Amino acid sequence: MSIQAQFPEPIIPSENEIELARASSRILSALIQKKTKSVNIYLDTGKHYDSVTLPLSAFKLLISILTQMAEGNAVTLIPVHAELTTQEAADLLNVSRPYFIRLLEEKKIPFRKVGTRRRILFQDLMEYKQKIDAVRRKVLDDLTKEAQELDMGY
């Protein structure tokens, strides 16, 4: 089963949705400062009124989703314990499948085999991505610092 079959397609916000998400995320972010374990939300659909109680963690996730939408980013949810195929994982890292398989064979990312197929935990993939992103940021910081020391206009 592909990741697309397991999870909904990414939601690409329209201009109107970006504006609504921007306003909503600002208002909701201001409320998160309170120490509480849950949040009550009152809903008004125009014809129906209701309320729902959300765990604080779900409320924070909602704010994160709105913040990403406010920046115009596509949004999707993938459970941390989801298992991905090599192609799905390569797509998420934006690398080729052969390159990704080489990373697996070099034991840079943990995986397990199901028959002859490799499966990668989404959480393991994101940990690898965070590590390489941190290394890239450090290299860029070092290059910027060197360029400034050499007065190259940065």
C-alpha atoms as a PDB file:
ATOM      1  CA  MET A   1       0.000   0.000   0.000  1.00  0.00           C
ATOM      2  CA  SER A   2       1.492   3.361  -0.987  1.00  0.00           C
ATOM      3  CA  ILE A   3       1.745   6.382   1.280  1.00  0.00           C
ATOM      4  CA  GLN A   4      -0.880   8.045  -0.898  1.00  0.00           C
ATOM      5  CA  ALA A   5      -3.270   5.151  -0.204  1.00  0.00           C
ATOM      6  CA  GLN A   6      -2.556   5.304   3.543  1.00  0.00           C
ATOM      7  CA  PHE A   7      -2.768   9.072   3.959  1.00  0.00           C
ATOM      8  CA  PRO A   8      -4.664  11.865   2.238  1.00  0.00           C
ATOM      9  CA  GLU A   9      -3.017  13.892  -0.490  1.00  0.00           C
ATOM     10  CA  PRO A  10      -1.213  17.059   0.621  1.00  0.00           C
ATOM     11  CA  ILE A  11      -3.522  20.032   0.922  1.00  0.00           C
ATOM     12  CA  ILE A  12      -2.305  23.027  -1.067  1.00  0.00           C
ATOM     13  CA  PRO A  13      -3.965  26.139   0.340  1.00  0.00           C
ATOM     14  CA  SER A  14      -5.646  28.703  -1.903  1.00  0.00           C
ATOM     15  CA  GLU A  15      -4.950  32.429  -1.439  1.00  0.00           C
ATOM     16  CA  ASN A  16      -8.142  32.784   0.613  1.00  0.00           C
ATOM     17  CA  GLU A  17      -7.161  29.815   2.796  1.00  0.00           C
ATOM     18  CA  ILE A  18      -3.687  31.293   3.315  1.00  0.00           C
ATOM     19  CA  GLU A  19      -5.229  34.515   4.641  1.00  0.00           C
ATOM     20  CA  LEU A  20      -7.676  32.638   6.880  1.00  0.00           C
ATOM     21  CA  ALA A  21      -4.877  30.398   8.183  1.00  0.00           C
ATOM     22  CA  ARG A  22      -2.677  33.431   8.878  1.00  0.00           C
ATOM     23  CA  ALA A  23      -5.364  35.163  10.939  1.00  0.00           C
ATOM     24  CA  SER A  24      -6.427  31.964  12.721  1.00  0.00           C
ATOM     25  CA  SER A  25      -2.898  30.877  13.617  1.00  0.00           C
ATOM     26  CA  ARG A  26      -2.146  34.286  15.160  1.00  0.00           C
ATOM     27  CA  ILE A  27      -5.257  34.225  17.323  1.00  0.00           C
ATOM     28  CA  LEU A  28      -4.833  30.599  18.387  1.00  0.00           C
ATOM     29  CA  SER A  29      -1.107  30.987  19.082  1.00  0.00           C
ATOM     30  CA  ALA A  30      -1.856  33.710  21.597  1.00  0.00           C
ATOM     31  CA  LEU A  31      -4.140  31.314  23.492  1.00  0.00           C
ATOM     32  CA  ILE A  32      -1.582  28.511  23.741  1.00  0.00           C
ATOM     33  CA  GLN A  33       0.367  30.332  26.473  1.00  0.00           C
ATOM     34  CA  LYS A  34      -2.079  29.200  29.135  1.00  0.00           C
ATOM     35  CA  LYS A  35      -1.159  26.107  31.140  1.00  0.00           C
ATOM     36  CA  THR A  36      -3.914  23.602  30.434  1.00  0.00           C
ATOM     37  CA  LYS A  37      -4.297  19.999  29.360  1.00  0.00           C
ATOM     38  CA  SER A  38      -7.184  20.577  26.972  1.00  0.00           C
ATOM     39  CA  VAL A  39      -8.873  23.318  24.974  1.00  0.00           C
ATOM     40  CA  ASN A  40     -12.593  23.832  24.376  1.00  0.00           C
ATOM     41  CA  ILE A  41     -13.472  25.092  20.906  1.00  0.00           C
ATOM     42  CA  TYR A  42     -16.913  26.425  20.009  1.00  0.00           C
ATOM     43  CA  LEU A  43     -17.991  25.801  16.429  1.00  0.00           C
ATOM     44  CA  ASP A  44     -20.399  27.880  14.389  1.00  0.00           C
ATOM     45  CA  THR A  45     -21.204  26.523  10.925  1.00  0.00           C
ATOM     46  CA  GLY A  46     -23.929  29.076  10.334  1.00  0.00           C
ATOM     47  CA  LYS A  47     -26.749  26.590  10.901  1.00  0.00           C
ATOM     48  CA  HIS A  48     -25.313  24.547  13.723  1.00  0.00           C
ATOM     49  CA  TYR A  49     -23.471  25.354  16.948  1.00  0.00           C
ATOM     50  CA  ASP A  50     -21.397  22.830  18.843  1.00  0.00           C
ATOM     51  CA  SER A  51     -18.321  22.535  21.004  1.00  0.00           C
ATOM     52  CA  VAL A  52     -15.439  20.115  21.102  1.00  0.00           C
ATOM     53  CA  THR A  53     -12.671  19.533  23.627  1.00  0.00           C
ATOM     54  CA  LEU A  54      -9.226  18.938  22.155  1.00  0.00           C
ATOM     55  CA  PRO A  55      -6.140  17.640  23.920  1.00  0.00           C
ATOM     56  CA  LEU A  56      -3.545  20.410  24.145  1.00  0.00           C
ATOM     57  CA  SER A  57      -1.195  18.413  21.889  1.00  0.00           C
ATOM     58  CA  ALA A  58      -3.854  18.291  19.137  1.00  0.00           C
ATOM     59  CA  PHE A  59      -4.478  22.017  19.553  1.00  0.00           C
ATOM     60  CA  LYS A  60      -0.741  22.702  19.109  1.00  0.00           C
ATOM     61  CA  LEU A  61      -0.736  20.511  15.999  1.00  0.00           C
ATOM     62  CA  LEU A  62      -3.677  22.499  14.618  1.00  0.00           C
ATOM     63  CA  ILE A  63      -1.706  25.721  15.136  1.00  0.00           C
ATOM     64  CA  SER A  64       1.314  24.189  13.363  1.00  0.00           C
ATOM     65  CA  ILE A  65      -0.862  23.177  10.407  1.00  0.00           C
ATOM     66  CA  LEU A  66      -2.375  26.667  10.188  1.00  0.00           C
ATOM     67  CA  THR A  67       1.084  28.253  10.408  1.00  0.00           C
ATOM     68  CA  GLN A  68       2.324  26.138   7.508  1.00  0.00           C
ATOM     69  CA  MET A  69      -0.790  26.932   5.474  1.00  0.00           C
ATOM     70  CA  ALA A  70      -0.317  30.644   6.257  1.00  0.00           C
ATOM     71  CA  GLU A  71       3.105  30.381   4.604  1.00  0.00           C
ATOM     72  CA  GLY A  72       1.489  28.810   1.533  1.00  0.00           C
ATOM     73  CA  ASN A  73       2.981  25.377   2.188  1.00  0.00           C
ATOM     74  CA  ALA A  74       1.231  22.144   1.254  1.00  0.00           C
ATOM     75  CA  VAL A  75       0.273  20.170   4.353  1.00  0.00           C
ATOM     76  CA  THR A  76      -0.240  16.475   5.047  1.00  0.00           C
ATOM     77  CA  LEU A  77      -0.138  14.311   8.160  1.00  0.00           C
ATOM     78  CA  ILE A  78       1.924  11.145   8.396  1.00  0.00           C
ATOM     79  CA  PRO A  79       1.924   9.091  11.589  1.00  0.00           C
ATOM     80  CA  VAL A  80       5.403   8.873  13.122  1.00  0.00           C
ATOM     81  CA  HIS A  81       5.262   5.073  13.135  1.00  0.00           C
ATOM     82  CA  ALA A  82       4.240   4.823   9.479  1.00  0.00           C
ATOM     83  CA  GLU A  83       6.389   2.560   7.347  1.00  0.00           C
ATOM     84  CA  LEU A  84       7.426   3.850   3.952  1.00  0.00           C
ATOM     85  CA  THR A  85       8.654   2.130   0.815  1.00  0.00           C
ATOM     86  CA  THR A  86      12.054   3.109  -0.551  1.00  0.00           C
ATOM     87  CA  GLN A  87      10.369   5.169  -3.281  1.00  0.00           C
ATOM     88  CA  GLU A  88       8.146   7.038  -0.812  1.00  0.00           C
ATOM     89  CA  ALA A  89      11.118   7.748   1.457  1.00  0.00           C
ATOM     90  CA  ALA A  90      13.280   8.873  -1.469  1.00  0.00           C
ATOM     91  CA  ASP A  91      10.471  11.188  -2.607  1.00  0.00           C
ATOM     92  CA  LEU A  92      10.222  12.749   0.872  1.00  0.00           C
ATOM     93  CA  LEU A  93      13.978  13.422   0.874  1.00  0.00           C
ATOM     94  CA  ASN A  94      13.810  14.580  -2.749  1.00  0.00           C
ATOM     95  CA  VAL A  95      16.528  12.140  -3.846  1.00  0.00           C
ATOM     96  CA  SER A  96      16.583   9.307  -6.356  1.00  0.00           C
ATOM     97  CA  ARG A  97      15.587   5.820  -5.265  1.00  0.00           C
ATOM     98  CA  PRO A  98      19.028   4.328  -6.137  1.00  0.00           C
ATOM     99  CA  TYR A  99      20.749   7.015  -4.043  1.00  0.00           C
ATOM    100  CA  PHE A 100      18.338   6.352  -1.176  1.00  0.00           C
ATOM    101  CA  ILE A 101      18.994   2.590  -1.340  1.00  0.00           C
ATOM    102  CA  ARG A 102      22.710   3.339  -1.125  1.00  0.00           C
ATOM    103  CA  LEU A 103      22.047   5.296   2.092  1.00  0.00           C
ATOM    104  CA  LEU A 104      20.236   2.251   3.474  1.00  0.00           C
ATOM    105  CA  GLU A 105      23.027  -0.122   2.451  1.00  0.00           C
ATOM    106  CA  GLU A 106      25.581   2.200   4.099  1.00  0.00           C
ATOM    107  CA  LYS A 107      23.450   1.894   7.276  1.00  0.00           C
ATOM    108  CA  LYS A 108      22.841   5.651   7.440  1.00  0.00           C
ATOM    109  CA  ILE A 109      19.104   5.071   7.884  1.00  0.00           C
ATOM    110  CA  PRO A 110      17.609   2.085   9.731  1.00  0.00           C
ATOM    111  CA  PHE A 111      15.202  -0.173   7.847  1.00  0.00           C
ATOM    112  CA  ARG A 112      13.672  -3.611   7.985  1.00  0.00           C
ATOM    113  CA  LYS A 113      12.904  -6.116   5.293  1.00  0.00           C
ATOM    114  CA  VAL A 114       9.463  -7.490   4.594  1.00  0.00           C
ATOM    115  CA  GLY A 115      10.202 -10.352   2.261  1.00  0.00           C
ATOM    116  CA  THR A 116      12.466  -8.749  -0.320  1.00  0.00           C
ATOM    117  CA  ARG A 117      11.112  -5.244   0.246  1.00  0.00           C
ATOM    118  CA  ARG A 118      12.704  -2.619   2.470  1.00  0.00           C
ATOM    119  CA  ARG A 119      10.537  -0.606   4.859  1.00  0.00           C
ATOM    120  CA  ILE A 120      11.634   2.600   6.561  1.00  0.00           C
ATOM    121  CA  LEU A 121       9.984   4.162   9.598  1.00  0.00           C
ATOM    122  CA  PHE A 122       8.943   7.744   8.937  1.00  0.00           C
ATOM    123  CA  GLN A 123      10.436   8.710  12.309  1.00  0.00           C
ATOM    124  CA  ASP A 124      13.846   7.268  11.332  1.00  0.00           C
ATOM    125  CA  LEU A 125      13.712   9.099   8.013  1.00  0.00           C
ATOM    126  CA  MET A 126      12.957  12.427   9.737  1.00  0.00           C
ATOM    127  CA  GLU A 127      15.784  11.894  12.252  1.00  0.00           C
ATOM    128  CA  TYR A 128      18.206  11.362   9.341  1.00  0.00           C
ATOM    129  CA  LYS A 129      16.854  14.477   7.607  1.00  0.00           C
ATOM    130  CA  GLN A 130      17.298  16.564  10.760  1.00  0.00           C
ATOM    131  CA  LYS A 131      20.923  15.376  11.058  1.00  0.00           C
ATOM    132  CA  ILE A 132      21.832  16.193   7.464  1.00  0.00           C
ATOM    133  CA  ASP A 133      19.993  19.526   7.651  1.00  0.00           C
ATOM    134  CA  ALA A 134      22.012  20.435  10.764  1.00  0.00           C
ATOM    135  CA  VAL A 135      25.261  19.563   8.978  1.00  0.00           C
ATOM    136  CA  ARG A 136      24.217  21.639   5.949  1.00  0.00           C
ATOM    137  CA  ARG A 137      23.339  24.625   8.156  1.00  0.00           C
ATOM    138  CA  LYS A 138      26.726  24.438   9.858  1.00  0.00           C
ATOM    139  CA  VAL A 139      28.570  24.308   6.533  1.00  0.00           C
ATOM    140  CA  LEU A 140      26.555  27.280   5.254  1.00  0.00           C
ATOM    141  CA  ASP A 141      27.248  29.212   8.464  1.00  0.00           C
ATOM    142  CA  ASP A 142      30.975  28.456   8.110  1.00  0.00           C
ATOM    143  CA  LEU A 143      30.963  29.580   4.460  1.00  0.00           C
ATOM    144  CA  THR A 144      29.104  32.768   5.343  1.00  0.00           C
ATOM    145  CA  LYS A 145      31.529  33.522   8.159  1.00  0.00           C
ATOM    146  CA  GLU A 146      34.510  32.942   5.856  1.00  0.00           C
ATOM    147  CA  ALA A 147      32.986  35.144   3.147  1.00  0.00           C
ATOM    148  CA  GLN A 148      32.457  37.922   5.700  1.00  0.00           C
ATOM    149  CA  GLU A 149      36.025  37.622   6.936  1.00  0.00           C
ATOM    150  CA  LEU A 150      37.249  37.888   3.335  1.00  0.00           C
ATOM    151  CA  ASP A 151      34.936  40.909   2.790  1.00  0.00           C
ATOM    152  CA  MET A 152      33.138  39.279  -0.136  1.00  0.00           C
ATOM    153  CA  GLY A 153      30.003  41.378   0.296  1.00  0.00           C
ATOM    154  CA  TYR A 154      28.037  39.014   2.541  1.00  0.00           C
END
